N, C-alpha and C. Protein backbone atom coordinates (compact mmCIF):
# COMPACT_ATOMS: atom_id res chain seq x y z
N MET A 1 -75.63 10.94 -6.96
CA MET A 1 -74.54 10.82 -6.01
C MET A 1 -74.23 12.19 -5.41
N LEU A 2 -74.06 12.24 -4.11
CA LEU A 2 -73.69 13.47 -3.43
C LEU A 2 -72.20 13.75 -3.59
N THR A 3 -71.85 15.01 -3.68
CA THR A 3 -70.45 15.42 -3.67
C THR A 3 -70.19 16.05 -2.32
N ILE A 4 -69.37 15.37 -1.51
CA ILE A 4 -69.10 15.82 -0.15
C ILE A 4 -67.60 15.89 0.05
N GLY A 5 -67.15 17.00 0.61
CA GLY A 5 -65.73 17.16 0.84
C GLY A 5 -65.46 18.09 2.00
N ALA A 6 -64.21 18.45 2.13
CA ALA A 6 -63.79 19.32 3.23
C ALA A 6 -62.67 20.23 2.75
N HIS A 7 -62.42 21.24 3.53
CA HIS A 7 -61.30 22.15 3.27
C HIS A 7 -60.07 21.46 3.81
N MET A 8 -59.14 21.10 2.95
CA MET A 8 -58.00 20.27 3.34
C MET A 8 -56.69 21.04 3.35
N SER A 9 -55.84 20.70 4.31
CA SER A 9 -54.49 21.23 4.35
C SER A 9 -53.65 20.50 3.30
N ILE A 10 -52.83 21.24 2.58
CA ILE A 10 -51.93 20.62 1.61
C ILE A 10 -50.49 20.69 2.10
N ALA A 11 -50.33 20.85 3.42
CA ALA A 11 -49.00 20.94 4.01
C ALA A 11 -48.14 19.71 3.69
N GLY A 12 -48.73 18.53 3.65
CA GLY A 12 -47.99 17.30 3.33
C GLY A 12 -47.99 16.97 1.86
N GLY A 13 -48.59 17.84 1.04
CA GLY A 13 -48.67 17.61 -0.39
C GLY A 13 -50.11 17.40 -0.83
N ILE A 14 -50.36 17.67 -2.08
CA ILE A 14 -51.71 17.58 -2.63
C ILE A 14 -52.21 16.12 -2.67
N ALA A 15 -51.31 15.17 -2.92
CA ALA A 15 -51.71 13.76 -2.95
C ALA A 15 -52.06 13.28 -1.55
N LYS A 16 -51.31 13.70 -0.55
CA LYS A 16 -51.60 13.32 0.84
C LYS A 16 -52.96 13.87 1.26
N ALA A 17 -53.27 15.08 0.85
CA ALA A 17 -54.57 15.66 1.15
C ALA A 17 -55.68 14.82 0.52
N ALA A 18 -55.48 14.39 -0.73
CA ALA A 18 -56.48 13.56 -1.41
C ALA A 18 -56.64 12.21 -0.71
N GLU A 19 -55.54 11.64 -0.23
CA GLU A 19 -55.61 10.38 0.51
C GLU A 19 -56.45 10.55 1.78
N LYS A 20 -56.28 11.68 2.46
CA LYS A 20 -57.05 11.93 3.68
C LYS A 20 -58.54 12.10 3.37
N VAL A 21 -58.84 12.69 2.23
CA VAL A 21 -60.23 12.83 1.79
C VAL A 21 -60.86 11.45 1.63
N VAL A 22 -60.15 10.56 0.98
CA VAL A 22 -60.65 9.19 0.78
C VAL A 22 -60.84 8.50 2.12
N GLN A 23 -59.88 8.66 3.04
CA GLN A 23 -59.98 8.03 4.36
C GLN A 23 -61.21 8.50 5.13
N MET A 24 -61.61 9.75 4.94
CA MET A 24 -62.77 10.26 5.67
C MET A 24 -64.08 9.95 4.96
N GLY A 25 -64.01 9.31 3.79
CA GLY A 25 -65.22 8.92 3.08
C GLY A 25 -65.81 10.02 2.21
N ALA A 26 -65.04 11.05 1.94
CA ALA A 26 -65.50 12.15 1.09
C ALA A 26 -65.08 11.90 -0.35
N ASN A 27 -65.55 12.75 -1.27
CA ASN A 27 -65.20 12.55 -2.67
C ASN A 27 -64.83 13.85 -3.39
N THR A 28 -64.45 14.85 -2.61
CA THR A 28 -63.90 16.07 -3.18
C THR A 28 -63.26 16.87 -2.07
N MET A 29 -62.63 17.99 -2.43
CA MET A 29 -61.97 18.80 -1.41
C MET A 29 -61.80 20.23 -1.91
N GLN A 30 -61.53 21.10 -0.96
CA GLN A 30 -61.20 22.48 -1.27
C GLN A 30 -59.83 22.74 -0.66
N VAL A 31 -58.98 23.45 -1.40
CA VAL A 31 -57.64 23.78 -0.92
C VAL A 31 -57.36 25.25 -1.20
N PHE A 32 -56.45 25.82 -0.43
CA PHE A 32 -55.98 27.15 -0.76
C PHE A 32 -55.05 27.04 -1.96
N SER A 33 -55.15 27.97 -2.89
CA SER A 33 -54.29 27.95 -4.07
C SER A 33 -52.86 28.34 -3.73
N ARG A 34 -52.67 28.96 -2.60
CA ARG A 34 -51.34 29.36 -2.09
C ARG A 34 -51.49 29.67 -0.62
N ASN A 35 -50.44 30.09 0.02
CA ASN A 35 -50.49 30.44 1.43
C ASN A 35 -51.66 31.41 1.65
N PRO A 36 -52.58 31.10 2.58
CA PRO A 36 -53.77 31.92 2.74
C PRO A 36 -53.51 33.34 3.23
N ARG A 37 -52.38 33.59 3.87
CA ARG A 37 -52.10 34.92 4.39
C ARG A 37 -50.96 35.61 3.66
N GLY A 38 -50.56 35.07 2.57
CA GLY A 38 -49.47 35.65 1.80
C GLY A 38 -49.56 35.22 0.36
N SER A 39 -48.47 35.30 -0.32
CA SER A 39 -48.52 34.96 -1.74
C SER A 39 -47.63 33.77 -2.10
N GLY A 40 -46.97 33.16 -1.13
CA GLY A 40 -46.11 32.02 -1.43
C GLY A 40 -46.90 30.80 -1.86
N TYR A 41 -46.35 30.04 -2.76
CA TYR A 41 -47.01 28.81 -3.20
C TYR A 41 -45.96 27.75 -3.48
N LYS A 42 -46.41 26.52 -3.55
CA LYS A 42 -45.52 25.39 -3.79
C LYS A 42 -45.74 24.87 -5.20
N THR A 43 -44.65 24.57 -5.88
CA THR A 43 -44.73 23.92 -7.19
C THR A 43 -44.57 22.42 -6.97
N TYR A 44 -45.55 21.64 -7.41
CA TYR A 44 -45.53 20.21 -7.19
C TYR A 44 -44.80 19.49 -8.32
N SER A 45 -44.16 18.38 -7.96
CA SER A 45 -43.46 17.56 -8.95
C SER A 45 -44.49 16.83 -9.82
N GLU A 46 -44.04 16.36 -10.95
CA GLU A 46 -44.91 15.57 -11.83
C GLU A 46 -45.41 14.32 -11.12
N LYS A 47 -44.56 13.72 -10.30
CA LYS A 47 -44.93 12.52 -9.55
C LYS A 47 -46.09 12.83 -8.59
N GLU A 48 -45.99 13.96 -7.87
CA GLU A 48 -47.03 14.36 -6.93
C GLU A 48 -48.35 14.63 -7.66
N ILE A 49 -48.27 15.32 -8.77
CA ILE A 49 -49.46 15.64 -9.55
C ILE A 49 -50.10 14.36 -10.09
N SER A 50 -49.28 13.45 -10.61
CA SER A 50 -49.80 12.19 -11.15
C SER A 50 -50.50 11.37 -10.08
N ARG A 51 -49.92 11.32 -8.88
CA ARG A 51 -50.53 10.57 -7.78
C ARG A 51 -51.87 11.20 -7.39
N PHE A 52 -51.92 12.52 -7.31
CA PHE A 52 -53.16 13.23 -6.99
C PHE A 52 -54.23 12.91 -8.03
N LEU A 53 -53.89 13.00 -9.30
CA LEU A 53 -54.86 12.72 -10.37
C LEU A 53 -55.32 11.27 -10.35
N GLN A 54 -54.42 10.37 -10.02
CA GLN A 54 -54.77 8.95 -9.92
C GLN A 54 -55.79 8.73 -8.80
N ILE A 55 -55.56 9.35 -7.65
CA ILE A 55 -56.50 9.22 -6.53
C ILE A 55 -57.86 9.79 -6.92
N ARG A 56 -57.86 10.96 -7.55
CA ARG A 56 -59.13 11.57 -8.00
C ARG A 56 -59.90 10.64 -8.91
N GLU A 57 -59.20 10.04 -9.86
CA GLU A 57 -59.87 9.16 -10.83
C GLU A 57 -60.37 7.88 -10.16
N GLU A 58 -59.51 7.24 -9.36
CA GLU A 58 -59.88 5.97 -8.72
C GLU A 58 -61.07 6.12 -7.77
N HIS A 59 -61.20 7.28 -7.15
CA HIS A 59 -62.25 7.47 -6.14
C HIS A 59 -63.36 8.41 -6.61
N HIS A 60 -63.38 8.66 -7.91
CA HIS A 60 -64.47 9.42 -8.55
C HIS A 60 -64.74 10.76 -7.86
N PHE A 61 -63.67 11.53 -7.67
CA PHE A 61 -63.82 12.84 -7.05
C PHE A 61 -64.70 13.73 -7.90
N GLY A 62 -65.47 14.56 -7.22
CA GLY A 62 -66.19 15.64 -7.87
C GLY A 62 -65.22 16.78 -8.12
N PRO A 63 -65.73 17.95 -8.46
CA PRO A 63 -64.85 19.10 -8.69
C PRO A 63 -64.02 19.41 -7.44
N VAL A 64 -62.75 19.72 -7.66
CA VAL A 64 -61.87 20.17 -6.58
C VAL A 64 -61.85 21.69 -6.65
N LEU A 65 -62.11 22.32 -5.52
CA LEU A 65 -62.22 23.78 -5.48
C LEU A 65 -60.97 24.41 -4.90
N ALA A 66 -60.60 25.55 -5.45
CA ALA A 66 -59.45 26.31 -4.93
C ALA A 66 -59.97 27.56 -4.24
N HIS A 67 -59.46 27.82 -3.06
CA HIS A 67 -59.82 28.98 -2.27
C HIS A 67 -58.72 30.02 -2.46
N ALA A 68 -59.10 31.23 -2.84
CA ALA A 68 -58.12 32.31 -3.01
C ALA A 68 -57.57 32.72 -1.65
N PRO A 69 -56.35 33.25 -1.61
CA PRO A 69 -55.79 33.71 -0.33
C PRO A 69 -56.62 34.81 0.31
N TYR A 70 -56.55 34.92 1.62
CA TYR A 70 -57.29 35.96 2.34
C TYR A 70 -56.85 37.36 1.94
N THR A 71 -55.61 37.49 1.49
CA THR A 71 -55.10 38.81 1.15
C THR A 71 -55.74 39.38 -0.12
N MET A 72 -56.43 38.54 -0.87
CA MET A 72 -57.12 38.99 -2.08
C MET A 72 -58.52 39.46 -1.71
N ASN A 73 -58.86 40.68 -2.10
CA ASN A 73 -60.19 41.21 -1.85
C ASN A 73 -60.62 41.98 -3.08
N LEU A 74 -61.32 41.31 -3.97
CA LEU A 74 -61.71 41.93 -5.23
C LEU A 74 -62.71 43.06 -5.06
N ALA A 75 -63.35 43.14 -3.90
CA ALA A 75 -64.33 44.21 -3.67
C ALA A 75 -63.70 45.44 -3.01
N SER A 76 -62.43 45.39 -2.69
CA SER A 76 -61.79 46.50 -2.02
C SER A 76 -61.61 47.69 -2.96
N PRO A 77 -61.83 48.91 -2.46
CA PRO A 77 -61.58 50.09 -3.29
C PRO A 77 -60.08 50.38 -3.44
N LYS A 78 -59.24 49.71 -2.64
CA LYS A 78 -57.79 49.92 -2.71
C LYS A 78 -57.19 49.03 -3.80
N GLU A 79 -56.57 49.62 -4.77
CA GLU A 79 -55.98 48.86 -5.87
C GLU A 79 -54.92 47.87 -5.37
N SER A 80 -54.20 48.21 -4.32
CA SER A 80 -53.13 47.34 -3.81
C SER A 80 -53.67 46.06 -3.20
N VAL A 81 -54.94 46.04 -2.82
CA VAL A 81 -55.55 44.87 -2.21
C VAL A 81 -56.15 44.00 -3.28
C-alpha cells in the first residue's frame, strides 16, 4: 500500500485537517508543529486529539510528519538561530 499525503493547514484544528486528508483520498499528512514563522503553538483539547486519532485509525493513516518552524536552523553557526 502506498502512503500518500499532503502538507496540511491545521488552522481549523488537527481533526479538521485529517478529515480533509480523507476527503482528498490520501492516508497521511504533514503539519507544522507550531507557527512556521514564529514559536506560537496551539494546545488541543482531549476531544480534538481523540477525534484526530479516531480518523487516523479508521482510515489507516501512515506516519504523520511534523515540520519544524522555518525559524529553526540547526545548521546555522548562530546559537540564537
